[in-house]
Amino acid sequence: MKNNIEKGKYGESIAASFLQKQGYRILAKNRRYGHKEIDIIAKDNETIVIVEVKLRYTDFFGFPEQAVNKRKQKLLIEAADAYITENNLNNDVRYDVVAIVFENNKKRLLHIKDAFIPGL
């Protein structure tokens, strides 16, 4: 069994590969801003996409996307704001979630575009 850091990196590599196959351009991975982290920053056409990746080995305790709660959303928004300011960007920003479940030797991947909208 992998530790949490290894699991996170494994999930992020699966998600990045998936996104690239969908035509996204990966701009950065694991960008940290203090205690806040963005798993993947990508570009979908001209839109900056902030991607949170959640990987689970079972959905017994709930679906991975459910772990992107209001507190996590707030941290992602703050980190995205820092990235946008740091890079002097004026692009539209979207927040996606890639949820991955490995169970019974099968991988299930769900890409949720516009998983949440800041301020709602």
N, C-alpha and C. Protein backbone atom coordinates (compact mmCIF):
# COMPACT_ATOMS: atom_id res chain seq x y z
N MET A 1 0.85 -1.19 0.00
CA MET A 1 0.00 0.00 0.00
C MET A 1 0.89 1.24 0.00
N LYS A 2 0.58 2.17 -0.84
CA LYS A 2 1.34 3.41 -0.94
C LYS A 2 0.95 4.34 0.20
N ASN A 3 1.90 5.22 0.61
CA ASN A 3 1.54 6.22 1.60
C ASN A 3 0.75 7.34 0.90
N ASN A 4 0.26 8.27 1.68
CA ASN A 4 -0.63 9.31 1.12
C ASN A 4 0.06 10.18 0.07
N ILE A 5 1.35 10.48 0.28
CA ILE A 5 2.06 11.30 -0.69
C ILE A 5 2.20 10.54 -2.01
N GLU A 6 2.58 9.27 -1.92
CA GLU A 6 2.70 8.45 -3.13
C GLU A 6 1.36 8.30 -3.84
N LYS A 7 0.29 8.09 -3.07
CA LYS A 7 -1.05 7.97 -3.65
C LYS A 7 -1.43 9.25 -4.37
N GLY A 8 -1.13 10.38 -3.73
CA GLY A 8 -1.46 11.67 -4.33
C GLY A 8 -0.74 11.88 -5.64
N LYS A 9 0.55 11.61 -5.66
CA LYS A 9 1.33 11.78 -6.90
C LYS A 9 0.85 10.82 -7.98
N TYR A 10 0.49 9.59 -7.60
CA TYR A 10 -0.02 8.62 -8.55
C TYR A 10 -1.34 9.11 -9.17
N GLY A 11 -2.24 9.58 -8.33
CA GLY A 11 -3.52 10.11 -8.81
C GLY A 11 -3.32 11.32 -9.71
N GLU A 12 -2.40 12.19 -9.34
CA GLU A 12 -2.14 13.38 -10.14
C GLU A 12 -1.55 13.03 -11.50
N SER A 13 -0.70 12.00 -11.55
CA SER A 13 -0.14 11.60 -12.84
C SER A 13 -1.22 11.01 -13.74
N ILE A 14 -2.14 10.25 -13.16
CA ILE A 14 -3.25 9.70 -13.94
C ILE A 14 -4.13 10.84 -14.46
N ALA A 15 -4.45 11.79 -13.58
CA ALA A 15 -5.29 12.92 -13.97
C ALA A 15 -4.63 13.78 -15.04
N ALA A 16 -3.33 14.07 -14.88
CA ALA A 16 -2.62 14.90 -15.86
C ALA A 16 -2.60 14.22 -17.22
N SER A 17 -2.35 12.93 -17.24
CA SER A 17 -2.34 12.19 -18.50
C SER A 17 -3.72 12.23 -19.16
N PHE A 18 -4.76 12.03 -18.36
CA PHE A 18 -6.13 12.09 -18.87
C PHE A 18 -6.42 13.46 -19.47
N LEU A 19 -6.07 14.52 -18.74
CA LEU A 19 -6.34 15.88 -19.21
C LEU A 19 -5.59 16.18 -20.50
N GLN A 20 -4.34 15.75 -20.58
CA GLN A 20 -3.56 15.99 -21.80
C GLN A 20 -4.21 15.30 -23.00
N LYS A 21 -4.73 14.10 -22.78
CA LYS A 21 -5.40 13.39 -23.87
C LYS A 21 -6.68 14.10 -24.30
N GLN A 22 -7.23 14.92 -23.40
CA GLN A 22 -8.43 15.70 -23.72
C GLN A 22 -8.08 17.04 -24.35
N GLY A 23 -6.78 17.30 -24.53
CA GLY A 23 -6.34 18.54 -25.19
C GLY A 23 -5.92 19.64 -24.24
N TYR A 24 -5.90 19.39 -22.95
CA TYR A 24 -5.46 20.40 -21.99
C TYR A 24 -3.94 20.50 -22.02
N ARG A 25 -3.45 21.69 -21.71
CA ARG A 25 -2.01 21.88 -21.58
C ARG A 25 -1.71 22.04 -20.09
N ILE A 26 -0.86 21.19 -19.57
CA ILE A 26 -0.52 21.24 -18.15
C ILE A 26 0.50 22.36 -17.95
N LEU A 27 0.15 23.30 -17.08
CA LEU A 27 1.04 24.43 -16.80
C LEU A 27 1.90 24.18 -15.57
N ALA A 28 1.33 23.49 -14.57
CA ALA A 28 2.07 23.25 -13.32
C ALA A 28 1.38 22.14 -12.54
N LYS A 29 2.16 21.51 -11.68
CA LYS A 29 1.63 20.51 -10.75
C LYS A 29 2.16 20.83 -9.36
N ASN A 30 1.35 20.53 -8.38
CA ASN A 30 1.74 20.68 -6.97
C ASN A 30 2.28 22.07 -6.64
N ARG A 31 1.56 23.10 -7.05
CA ARG A 31 1.97 24.47 -6.72
C ARG A 31 1.51 24.79 -5.31
N ARG A 32 2.45 25.20 -4.49
CA ARG A 32 2.15 25.51 -3.09
C ARG A 32 2.19 27.01 -2.86
N TYR A 33 1.26 27.44 -2.06
CA TYR A 33 1.18 28.83 -1.60
C TYR A 33 0.92 28.75 -0.10
N GLY A 34 1.99 28.78 0.68
CA GLY A 34 1.86 28.55 2.11
C GLY A 34 1.38 27.12 2.33
N HIS A 35 0.31 26.96 3.09
CA HIS A 35 -0.23 25.61 3.34
C HIS A 35 -1.27 25.20 2.30
N LYS A 36 -1.46 26.05 1.31
CA LYS A 36 -2.43 25.76 0.24
C LYS A 36 -1.70 25.12 -0.94
N GLU A 37 -2.37 24.19 -1.60
CA GLU A 37 -1.74 23.53 -2.74
C GLU A 37 -2.76 23.33 -3.86
N ILE A 38 -2.29 23.52 -5.08
CA ILE A 38 -3.09 23.21 -6.26
C ILE A 38 -2.46 21.97 -6.89
N ASP A 39 -3.26 20.93 -7.08
CA ASP A 39 -2.73 19.69 -7.63
C ASP A 39 -2.26 19.87 -9.07
N ILE A 40 -3.13 20.42 -9.92
CA ILE A 40 -2.79 20.63 -11.33
C ILE A 40 -3.34 21.97 -11.78
N ILE A 41 -2.51 22.71 -12.50
CA ILE A 41 -2.96 23.92 -13.16
C ILE A 41 -2.82 23.64 -14.65
N ALA A 42 -3.93 23.78 -15.37
CA ALA A 42 -3.93 23.46 -16.80
C ALA A 42 -4.58 24.59 -17.57
N LYS A 43 -4.48 24.47 -18.87
CA LYS A 43 -5.13 25.44 -19.75
C LYS A 43 -6.02 24.67 -20.72
N ASP A 44 -7.28 25.05 -20.77
CA ASP A 44 -8.26 24.48 -21.70
C ASP A 44 -8.63 25.62 -22.64
N ASN A 45 -8.07 25.59 -23.84
CA ASN A 45 -8.12 26.74 -24.74
C ASN A 45 -7.49 27.92 -24.01
N GLU A 46 -8.23 28.97 -23.73
CA GLU A 46 -7.66 30.13 -23.02
C GLU A 46 -8.08 30.19 -21.55
N THR A 47 -8.80 29.19 -21.08
CA THR A 47 -9.26 29.16 -19.69
C THR A 47 -8.22 28.47 -18.81
N ILE A 48 -7.89 29.10 -17.68
CA ILE A 48 -7.03 28.48 -16.68
C ILE A 48 -7.91 27.54 -15.87
N VAL A 49 -7.47 26.29 -15.75
CA VAL A 49 -8.25 25.28 -15.03
C VAL A 49 -7.47 24.84 -13.80
N ILE A 50 -8.07 25.06 -12.65
CA ILE A 50 -7.50 24.64 -11.37
C ILE A 50 -8.13 23.28 -11.07
N VAL A 51 -7.28 22.25 -10.97
CA VAL A 51 -7.79 20.89 -10.85
C VAL A 51 -7.41 20.29 -9.50
N GLU A 52 -8.41 19.85 -8.77
CA GLU A 52 -8.21 19.09 -7.54
C GLU A 52 -8.39 17.62 -7.88
N VAL A 53 -7.41 16.81 -7.50
CA VAL A 53 -7.44 15.38 -7.78
C VAL A 53 -7.70 14.63 -6.48
N LYS A 54 -8.66 13.73 -6.52
CA LYS A 54 -8.96 12.89 -5.36
C LYS A 54 -8.92 11.44 -5.80
N LEU A 55 -8.10 10.65 -5.12
CA LEU A 55 -7.96 9.23 -5.44
C LEU A 55 -8.35 8.42 -4.21
N ARG A 56 -9.13 7.39 -4.43
CA ARG A 56 -9.53 6.47 -3.36
C ARG A 56 -9.38 5.04 -3.88
N TYR A 57 -9.19 4.14 -2.93
CA TYR A 57 -9.13 2.72 -3.30
C TYR A 57 -10.45 2.02 -3.00
N THR A 58 -11.42 2.78 -2.55
CA THR A 58 -12.78 2.29 -2.37
C THR A 58 -13.70 3.50 -2.24
N ASP A 59 -14.95 3.32 -2.60
CA ASP A 59 -15.92 4.40 -2.37
C ASP A 59 -16.83 4.05 -1.20
N PHE A 60 -16.40 3.09 -0.39
CA PHE A 60 -17.19 2.64 0.76
C PHE A 60 -17.55 3.80 1.68
N PHE A 61 -16.62 4.72 1.87
CA PHE A 61 -16.84 5.85 2.78
C PHE A 61 -17.30 7.10 2.04
N GLY A 62 -17.68 6.98 0.81
CA GLY A 62 -18.15 8.11 0.01
C GLY A 62 -17.30 8.27 -1.23
N PHE A 63 -17.83 9.01 -2.16
CA PHE A 63 -17.13 9.25 -3.42
C PHE A 63 -16.03 10.29 -3.21
N PRO A 64 -14.91 10.13 -3.91
CA PRO A 64 -13.78 11.04 -3.67
C PRO A 64 -14.12 12.51 -3.89
N GLU A 65 -14.96 12.79 -4.86
CA GLU A 65 -15.29 14.19 -5.15
C GLU A 65 -16.01 14.88 -3.99
N GLN A 66 -16.62 14.09 -3.11
CA GLN A 66 -17.29 14.66 -1.95
C GLN A 66 -16.31 15.26 -0.95
N ALA A 67 -15.03 14.92 -1.06
CA ALA A 67 -14.01 15.45 -0.16
C ALA A 67 -13.62 16.89 -0.51
N VAL A 68 -14.11 17.40 -1.63
CA VAL A 68 -13.81 18.79 -2.00
C VAL A 68 -14.91 19.66 -1.40
N ASN A 69 -14.80 19.83 -0.08
CA ASN A 69 -15.81 20.56 0.69
C ASN A 69 -15.57 22.07 0.61
N LYS A 70 -16.39 22.83 1.28
CA LYS A 70 -16.30 24.31 1.24
C LYS A 70 -14.94 24.81 1.70
N ARG A 71 -14.37 24.19 2.74
CA ARG A 71 -13.06 24.61 3.23
C ARG A 71 -12.00 24.37 2.16
N LYS A 72 -12.01 23.20 1.52
CA LYS A 72 -11.05 22.89 0.47
C LYS A 72 -11.23 23.83 -0.71
N GLN A 73 -12.47 24.14 -1.06
CA GLN A 73 -12.76 25.07 -2.15
C GLN A 73 -12.16 26.44 -1.85
N LYS A 74 -12.33 26.90 -0.62
CA LYS A 74 -11.79 28.21 -0.22
C LYS A 74 -10.27 28.24 -0.36
N LEU A 75 -9.60 27.17 0.07
CA LEU A 75 -8.15 27.10 -0.06
C LEU A 75 -7.71 27.09 -1.52
N LEU A 76 -8.44 26.36 -2.36
CA LEU A 76 -8.12 26.32 -3.80
C LEU A 76 -8.29 27.70 -4.44
N ILE A 77 -9.35 28.39 -4.09
CA ILE A 77 -9.60 29.73 -4.63
C ILE A 77 -8.49 30.68 -4.22
N GLU A 78 -8.08 30.63 -2.96
CA GLU A 78 -7.00 31.50 -2.48
C GLU A 78 -5.69 31.18 -3.20
N ALA A 79 -5.38 29.90 -3.37
CA ALA A 79 -4.15 29.51 -4.07
C ALA A 79 -4.22 29.92 -5.54
N ALA A 80 -5.38 29.76 -6.16
CA ALA A 80 -5.55 30.17 -7.56
C ALA A 80 -5.36 31.67 -7.71
N ASP A 81 -5.92 32.43 -6.78
CA ASP A 81 -5.74 33.89 -6.82
C ASP A 81 -4.26 34.25 -6.75
N ALA A 82 -3.51 33.56 -5.89
CA ALA A 82 -2.07 33.82 -5.77
C ALA A 82 -1.35 33.49 -7.08
N TYR A 83 -1.71 32.36 -7.69
CA TYR A 83 -1.08 31.97 -8.97
C TYR A 83 -1.39 33.00 -10.05
N ILE A 84 -2.63 33.42 -10.14
CA ILE A 84 -3.04 34.38 -11.16
C ILE A 84 -2.34 35.72 -10.96
N THR A 85 -2.24 36.17 -9.73
CA THR A 85 -1.55 37.42 -9.43
C THR A 85 -0.06 37.30 -9.74
N GLU A 86 0.54 36.20 -9.28
CA GLU A 86 1.98 35.96 -9.49
C GLU A 86 2.35 35.95 -10.98
N ASN A 87 1.44 35.43 -11.80
CA ASN A 87 1.71 35.30 -13.23
C ASN A 87 1.04 36.38 -14.08
N ASN A 88 0.40 37.36 -13.40
CA ASN A 88 -0.22 38.49 -14.07
C ASN A 88 -1.16 38.04 -15.20
N LEU A 89 -2.08 37.14 -14.86
CA LEU A 89 -3.00 36.57 -15.84
C LEU A 89 -4.35 37.27 -15.80
N ASN A 90 -5.01 37.32 -16.94
CA ASN A 90 -6.36 37.89 -17.05
C ASN A 90 -7.35 36.88 -17.61
N ASN A 91 -6.96 35.61 -17.66
CA ASN A 91 -7.80 34.57 -18.24
C ASN A 91 -8.98 34.24 -17.33
N ASP A 92 -10.02 33.67 -17.94
CA ASP A 92 -11.09 33.09 -17.14
C ASP A 92 -10.51 31.91 -16.37
N VAL A 93 -11.10 31.63 -15.21
CA VAL A 93 -10.64 30.54 -14.36
C VAL A 93 -11.79 29.60 -14.10
N ARG A 94 -11.50 28.30 -14.15
CA ARG A 94 -12.51 27.27 -13.88
C ARG A 94 -11.92 26.30 -12.86
N TYR A 95 -12.78 25.75 -12.03
CA TYR A 95 -12.35 24.80 -11.00
C TYR A 95 -12.95 23.44 -11.31
N ASP A 96 -12.07 22.47 -11.58
CA ASP A 96 -12.50 21.11 -11.90
C ASP A 96 -12.03 20.15 -10.82
N VAL A 97 -12.69 19.00 -10.77
CA VAL A 97 -12.27 17.91 -9.90
C VAL A 97 -12.11 16.67 -10.77
N VAL A 98 -11.00 15.96 -10.56
CA VAL A 98 -10.84 14.64 -11.17
C VAL A 98 -10.87 13.64 -10.01
N ALA A 99 -11.89 12.80 -10.00
CA ALA A 99 -12.07 11.79 -8.96
C ALA A 99 -11.73 10.42 -9.54
N ILE A 100 -10.87 9.70 -8.84
CA ILE A 100 -10.43 8.40 -9.31
C ILE A 100 -10.68 7.37 -8.21
N VAL A 101 -11.30 6.26 -8.57
CA VAL A 101 -11.51 5.16 -7.63
C VAL A 101 -10.95 3.89 -8.25
N PHE A 102 -10.09 3.22 -7.49
CA PHE A 102 -9.59 1.90 -7.87
C PHE A 102 -10.30 0.89 -6.98
N GLU A 103 -11.05 0.01 -7.58
CA GLU A 103 -11.74 -1.00 -6.78
C GLU A 103 -11.91 -2.25 -7.63
N ASN A 104 -11.62 -3.40 -7.03
CA ASN A 104 -11.72 -4.68 -7.74
C ASN A 104 -10.92 -4.67 -9.04
N ASN A 105 -9.71 -4.12 -8.97
CA ASN A 105 -8.80 -4.06 -10.12
C ASN A 105 -9.35 -3.26 -11.30
N LYS A 106 -10.27 -2.36 -11.03
CA LYS A 106 -10.82 -1.49 -12.07
C LYS A 106 -10.63 -0.04 -11.66
N LYS A 107 -10.33 0.79 -12.65
CA LYS A 107 -10.17 2.23 -12.42
C LYS A 107 -11.41 2.93 -12.94
N ARG A 108 -11.95 3.80 -12.11
CA ARG A 108 -13.09 4.63 -12.52
C ARG A 108 -12.65 6.08 -12.35
N LEU A 109 -12.69 6.84 -13.44
CA LEU A 109 -12.27 8.23 -13.41
C LEU A 109 -13.46 9.10 -13.79
N LEU A 110 -13.67 10.13 -13.00
CA LEU A 110 -14.75 11.08 -13.25
C LEU A 110 -14.15 12.48 -13.29
N HIS A 111 -14.34 13.17 -14.41
CA HIS A 111 -13.86 14.55 -14.56
C HIS A 111 -15.08 15.46 -14.43
N ILE A 112 -15.08 16.28 -13.38
CA ILE A 112 -16.19 17.20 -13.14
C ILE A 112 -15.73 18.60 -13.49
N LYS A 113 -16.20 19.11 -14.62
CA LYS A 113 -15.89 20.48 -15.01
C LYS A 113 -16.78 21.43 -14.22
N ASP A 114 -16.23 22.61 -13.90
CA ASP A 114 -16.99 23.59 -13.11
C ASP A 114 -17.55 22.93 -11.85
N ALA A 115 -16.70 22.20 -11.13
CA ALA A 115 -17.13 21.47 -9.94
C ALA A 115 -17.72 22.40 -8.89
N PHE A 116 -17.20 23.62 -8.84
CA PHE A 116 -17.77 24.64 -7.97
C PHE A 116 -17.46 26.00 -8.55
N ILE A 117 -18.25 26.96 -8.14
CA ILE A 117 -18.08 28.33 -8.62
C ILE A 117 -17.82 29.23 -7.42
N PRO A 118 -16.70 29.95 -7.42
CA PRO A 118 -16.40 30.82 -6.29
C PRO A 118 -17.55 31.77 -5.98
N GLY A 119 -17.80 31.94 -4.71
CA GLY A 119 -18.83 32.87 -4.27
C GLY A 119 -20.23 32.27 -4.18
N LEU A 120 -20.39 31.04 -4.60
CA LEU A 120 -21.72 30.41 -4.50
C LEU A 120 -21.74 29.39 -3.40
